[in-house]
Protein backbone atom coordinates (compact mmCIF):
# COMPACT_ATOMS: atom_id res chain seq x y z
CA MET A 1 -57.88 170.40 148.23
CA LEU A 2 -59.08 171.64 151.60
CA ALA A 3 -57.33 170.74 154.86
CA LEU A 4 -57.68 171.93 158.44
CA ASP A 5 -54.40 172.58 160.24
CA ALA A 6 -54.23 173.97 163.78
CA PHE A 7 -57.43 175.31 165.36
CA VAL A 8 -58.90 176.29 168.71
CA VAL A 9 -62.49 176.99 169.72
CA MET A 10 -62.91 179.80 172.24
CA PRO A 11 -66.12 180.84 174.06
CA ASP A 12 -66.89 183.62 171.56
CA HIS A 13 -64.67 182.96 168.53
CA PHE A 14 -62.28 180.48 167.00
CA HIS A 15 -58.93 180.46 165.23
CA ALA A 16 -57.99 178.07 162.45
CA ILE A 17 -55.42 177.52 159.77
CA ILE A 18 -57.09 176.30 156.60
CA TRP A 19 -55.07 175.03 153.66
CA LEU A 20 -56.51 175.56 150.19
CA ARG A 21 -54.39 173.84 147.57
CA GLY A 22 -54.87 173.36 143.90
CA GLY A 23 -55.80 175.72 141.13
CA SER A 24 -56.43 179.40 141.62
CA GLU A 25 -59.86 180.67 142.60
CA SER A 26 -60.51 181.64 138.97
CA GLU A 27 -59.70 178.06 137.87
CA ASN A 28 -61.73 176.40 140.64
CA PRO A 29 -64.19 178.90 142.15
CA THR A 30 -65.86 176.27 144.34
CA VAL A 31 -62.80 176.11 146.63
CA SER A 32 -62.50 179.72 147.75
CA LEU A 33 -61.99 180.66 151.38
CA GLY A 34 -65.21 182.65 151.33
CA ARG A 35 -67.19 179.60 150.25
CA VAL A 36 -65.49 177.42 152.87
CA ILE A 37 -66.28 179.88 155.67
CA GLY A 38 -69.81 180.40 154.37
CA ALA A 39 -70.45 176.65 154.31
CA PHE A 40 -68.99 176.25 157.81
CA LYS A 41 -71.19 179.01 159.22
CA SER A 42 -74.26 177.61 157.47
CA LEU A 43 -73.72 174.02 158.60
CA THR A 44 -72.97 174.98 162.19
CA THR A 45 -75.96 177.33 162.36
CA VAL A 46 -78.31 174.61 161.09
CA ALA A 47 -76.86 172.14 163.61
CA TYR A 48 -77.27 174.70 166.42
CA ILE A 49 -80.90 175.43 165.49
CA ARG A 50 -81.57 171.68 165.44
CA GLY A 51 -79.92 171.33 168.86
CA VAL A 52 -82.11 174.10 170.27
CA ALA A 53 -85.26 172.47 168.88
CA GLU A 54 -84.49 168.82 169.58
CA GLN A 55 -82.06 168.77 172.49
CA ARG A 56 -83.09 171.90 174.36
CA TRP A 57 -79.80 173.74 173.91
CA PRO A 58 -80.04 177.31 175.17
CA ALA A 59 -81.26 179.67 172.45
CA LEU A 60 -79.26 182.78 171.62
CA ASP A 61 -81.01 186.12 171.27
CA ARG A 62 -78.57 187.14 168.53
CA ARG A 63 -76.87 185.73 165.46
CA LEU A 64 -74.58 182.76 165.94
CA TRP A 65 -71.86 184.20 163.66
CA GLN A 66 -70.75 187.71 162.84
CA ARG A 67 -71.05 188.75 159.22
CA GLY A 68 -67.39 188.69 158.17
CA TYR A 69 -64.17 186.99 159.10
CA TRP A 70 -60.52 187.94 159.32
CA GLU A 71 -58.03 186.22 157.08
CA ARG A 72 -54.28 186.20 156.66
CA ILE A 73 -52.13 184.51 154.03
CA VAL A 74 -49.22 182.72 155.68
CA ARG A 75 -46.21 183.20 153.44
CA SER A 76 -43.36 181.44 155.24
CA GLU A 77 -42.58 178.45 157.43
CA VAL A 78 -41.56 180.84 160.24
CA GLY A 79 -44.92 182.60 160.00
CA LEU A 80 -46.74 179.27 160.02
CA VAL A 81 -44.90 178.09 163.14
CA ARG A 82 -45.62 181.43 164.86
CA LEU A 83 -49.32 181.24 163.97
CA ARG A 84 -49.63 177.65 165.17
CA LYS A 85 -48.05 178.67 168.49
CA TYR A 86 -50.46 181.62 168.81
CA ILE A 87 -53.43 179.31 168.24
CA GLU A 88 -52.13 176.74 170.72
CA GLU A 89 -51.53 179.35 173.45
CA ASN A 90 -54.71 181.38 172.88
CA PRO A 91 -56.82 179.61 175.55
CA ARG A 92 -54.21 180.36 178.22
CA ARG A 93 -54.22 184.05 177.31
CA ALA A 94 -58.01 184.38 177.40
């Protein structure tokens, strides 16, 4: 199962908590974080290209997404609360 928890979109990046529940990656390789992020980047890039072509969005002279991503496994309720607070307050700190 895939679920989106807290998230925030910033001008040049975003933060999100993504829940992946169920079997391990070896039991269900279609639900890995890498595949989720890859699909997200692909879908949003296609939508952006369509917006540039059909709705005259400004075109970027570079890639929409950087190659990798940073991940962290949240191992406790305290860590989860702290991370949600960080995501919520991130726009004020920027």
